[in-house]
C-alpha atoms as a PDB file:
ATOM      1  CA  MET A   1     -48.788 -51.504 -36.187  1.00  0.00           C
ATOM      2  CA  MET A   2     -50.995 -49.231 -34.234  1.00  0.00           C
ATOM      3  CA  GLU A   3     -50.421 -45.563 -34.493  1.00  0.00           C
ATOM      4  CA  PHE A   4     -51.817 -43.500 -31.586  1.00  0.00           C
ATOM      5  CA  LYS A   5     -52.655 -39.844 -31.774  1.00  0.00           C
ATOM      6  CA  GLN A   6     -52.869 -37.296 -29.065  1.00  0.00           C
ATOM      7  CA  LYS A   7     -55.268 -34.353 -28.748  1.00  0.00           C
ATOM      8  CA  ASP A   8     -55.823 -32.303 -25.634  1.00  0.00           C
ATOM      9  CA  ASN A   9     -55.862 -34.766 -22.777  1.00  0.00           C
ATOM     10  CA  MET A  10     -56.500 -37.910 -24.696  1.00  0.00           C
ATOM     11  CA  ILE A  11     -54.377 -40.510 -26.404  1.00  0.00           C
ATOM     12  CA  TYR A  12     -56.472 -42.403 -28.964  1.00  0.00           C
ATOM     13  CA  LEU A  13     -56.486 -44.897 -31.819  1.00  0.00           C
ATOM     14  CA  GLU A  14     -58.593 -43.778 -34.835  1.00  0.00           C
ATOM     15  CA  ILE A  15     -59.630 -46.244 -37.532  1.00  0.00           C
ATOM     16  CA  ASP A  16     -61.788 -45.124 -40.440  1.00  0.00           C
ATOM     17  CA  GLY A  17     -62.545 -41.840 -38.711  1.00  0.00           C
ATOM     18  CA  GLN A  18     -63.811 -43.398 -35.467  1.00  0.00           C
ATOM     19  CA  ASP A  19     -62.060 -43.323 -32.069  1.00  0.00           C
ATOM     20  CA  LEU A  20     -61.972 -47.088 -31.274  1.00  0.00           C
ATOM     21  CA  ALA A  21     -59.670 -46.901 -28.275  1.00  0.00           C
ATOM     22  CA  TYR A  22     -58.410 -44.186 -25.852  1.00  0.00           C
ATOM     23  CA  ILE A  23     -56.922 -43.246 -22.536  1.00  0.00           C
ATOM     24  CA  LYS A  24     -58.060 -39.893 -20.948  1.00  0.00           C
ATOM     25  CA  PHE A  25     -55.922 -38.043 -18.501  1.00  0.00           C
ATOM     26  CA  ALA A  26     -55.660 -34.793 -16.573  1.00  0.00           C
ATOM     27  CA  TYR A  27     -52.663 -32.742 -15.620  1.00  0.00           C
ATOM     28  CA  HIS A  28     -52.009 -31.820 -12.011  1.00  0.00           C
ATOM     29  CA  ASP A  29     -49.030 -30.010 -10.534  1.00  0.00           C
ATOM     30  CA  ASP A  30     -46.554 -32.827 -10.333  1.00  0.00           C
ATOM     31  CA  TYR A  31     -48.430 -35.694 -11.876  1.00  0.00           C
ATOM     32  CA  ILE A  32     -50.864 -36.950 -14.604  1.00  0.00           C
ATOM     33  CA  GLU A  33     -54.064 -38.549 -13.526  1.00  0.00           C
ATOM     34  CA  ALA A  34     -55.088 -41.464 -15.845  1.00  0.00           C
ATOM     35  CA  TYR A  35     -58.884 -41.616 -15.330  1.00  0.00           C
ATOM     36  CA  SER A  36     -60.622 -43.404 -18.221  1.00  0.00           C
ATOM     37  CA  THR A  37     -59.558 -46.136 -20.664  1.00  0.00           C
ATOM     38  CA  PHE A  38     -61.761 -47.504 -23.381  1.00  0.00           C
ATOM     39  CA  VAL A  39     -61.174 -50.139 -26.098  1.00  0.00           C
ATOM     40  CA  ASP A  40     -63.933 -51.043 -28.582  1.00  0.00           C
ATOM     41  CA  THR A  41     -65.033 -54.782 -28.515  1.00  0.00           C
ATOM     42  CA  SER A  42     -63.499 -55.230 -32.033  1.00  0.00           C
ATOM     43  CA  LEU A  43     -60.069 -54.625 -30.569  1.00  0.00           C
ATOM     44  CA  ARG A  44     -60.217 -56.192 -27.170  1.00  0.00           C
ATOM     45  CA  GLY A  45     -57.783 -58.952 -26.338  1.00  0.00           C
ATOM     46  CA  GLN A  46     -54.984 -57.481 -28.489  1.00  0.00           C
ATOM     47  CA  GLY A  47     -53.178 -55.564 -25.710  1.00  0.00           C
ATOM     48  CA  VAL A  48     -54.435 -52.153 -27.042  1.00  0.00           C
ATOM     49  CA  ALA A  49     -55.288 -50.744 -23.504  1.00  0.00           C
ATOM     50  CA  GLU A  50     -51.786 -51.517 -22.224  1.00  0.00           C
ATOM     51  CA  LYS A  51     -50.155 -49.997 -25.339  1.00  0.00           C
ATOM     52  CA  LEU A  52     -52.280 -46.871 -24.604  1.00  0.00           C
ATOM     53  CA  VAL A  53     -50.945 -46.732 -21.051  1.00  0.00           C
ATOM     54  CA  ASP A  54     -47.385 -47.218 -22.358  1.00  0.00           C
ATOM     55  CA  ALA A  55     -48.084 -44.210 -24.635  1.00  0.00           C
ATOM     56  CA  LEU A  56     -49.107 -42.143 -21.608  1.00  0.00           C
ATOM     57  CA  VAL A  57     -46.016 -43.367 -19.683  1.00  0.00           C
ATOM     58  CA  ALA A  58     -43.907 -42.036 -22.497  1.00  0.00           C
ATOM     59  CA  VAL A  59     -45.622 -38.669 -22.269  1.00  0.00           C
ATOM     60  CA  ALA A  60     -45.266 -38.582 -18.531  1.00  0.00           C
ATOM     61  CA  LYS A  61     -41.594 -39.339 -18.633  1.00  0.00           C
ATOM     62  CA  GLU A  62     -41.035 -36.761 -21.324  1.00  0.00           C
ATOM     63  CA  GLU A  63     -42.742 -34.146 -19.091  1.00  0.00           C
ATOM     64  CA  ASN A  64     -40.883 -35.486 -15.948  1.00  0.00           C
ATOM     65  CA  LYS A  65     -44.194 -36.351 -14.311  1.00  0.00           C
ATOM     66  CA  ARG A  66     -45.588 -39.461 -12.672  1.00  0.00           C
ATOM     67  CA  ILE A  67     -49.057 -41.104 -13.222  1.00  0.00           C
ATOM     68  CA  ASN A  68     -51.718 -41.398 -10.621  1.00  0.00           C
ATOM     69  CA  PRO A  69     -54.125 -44.121 -11.870  1.00  0.00           C
ATOM     70  CA  THR A  70     -57.711 -43.620 -10.939  1.00  0.00           C
ATOM     71  CA  CYS A  71     -59.181 -45.663 -13.885  1.00  0.00           C
ATOM     72  CA  SER A  72     -59.659 -49.181 -12.622  1.00  0.00           C
ATOM     73  CA  TYR A  73     -57.994 -50.714 -15.695  1.00  0.00           C
ATOM     74  CA  VAL A  74     -54.711 -48.719 -15.040  1.00  0.00           C
ATOM     75  CA  VAL A  75     -54.878 -49.302 -11.341  1.00  0.00           C
ATOM     76  CA  ASN A  76     -55.086 -53.085 -11.955  1.00  0.00           C
ATOM     77  CA  LEU A  77     -52.352 -53.006 -14.613  1.00  0.00           C
ATOM     78  CA  PHE A  78     -49.984 -51.028 -12.331  1.00  0.00           C
ATOM     79  CA  GLU A  79     -50.602 -53.663  -9.543  1.00  0.00           C
ATOM     80  CA  LYS A  80     -50.204 -56.618 -11.981  1.00  0.00           C
ATOM     81  CA  LYS A  81     -46.872 -55.326 -13.431  1.00  0.00           C
ATOM     82  CA  PRO A  82     -45.043 -53.421 -10.722  1.00  0.00           C
ATOM     83  CA  GLU A  83     -41.683 -54.224 -12.378  1.00  0.00           C
ATOM     84  CA  LYS A  84     -42.772 -52.194 -15.364  1.00  0.00           C
ATOM     85  CA  TYR A  85     -44.753 -49.337 -13.755  1.00  0.00           C
ATOM     86  CA  SER A  86     -43.597 -48.781 -10.183  1.00  0.00           C
ATOM     87  CA  ASP A  87     -41.090 -46.157 -11.298  1.00  0.00           C
ATOM     88  CA  ILE A  88     -43.728 -43.970 -12.945  1.00  0.00           C
ATOM     89  CA  GLN A  89     -46.655 -44.447 -10.389  1.00  0.00           C
ATOM     90  CA  HIS A  90     -47.502 -41.396  -8.278  1.00  0.00           C
END
């Protein structure tokens, strides 16, 4: 099971002291901007990026904010799965 950590405006997956996957975001008045997602090639194809987005969704819901995706991955994911993300999209 993957355990994500959060520091400042980043949720990330650290393995052996290296950040191998992350989503970076910025706070605005009433929403959170998801602007960068990265997954190391060794982890691609395992759904890690979507799990990072889901972790950010949990943060946004906890803080009663919506997410404005500017990262192309998050934009595409929100478009591909509106049933999962339409209620959180800004």
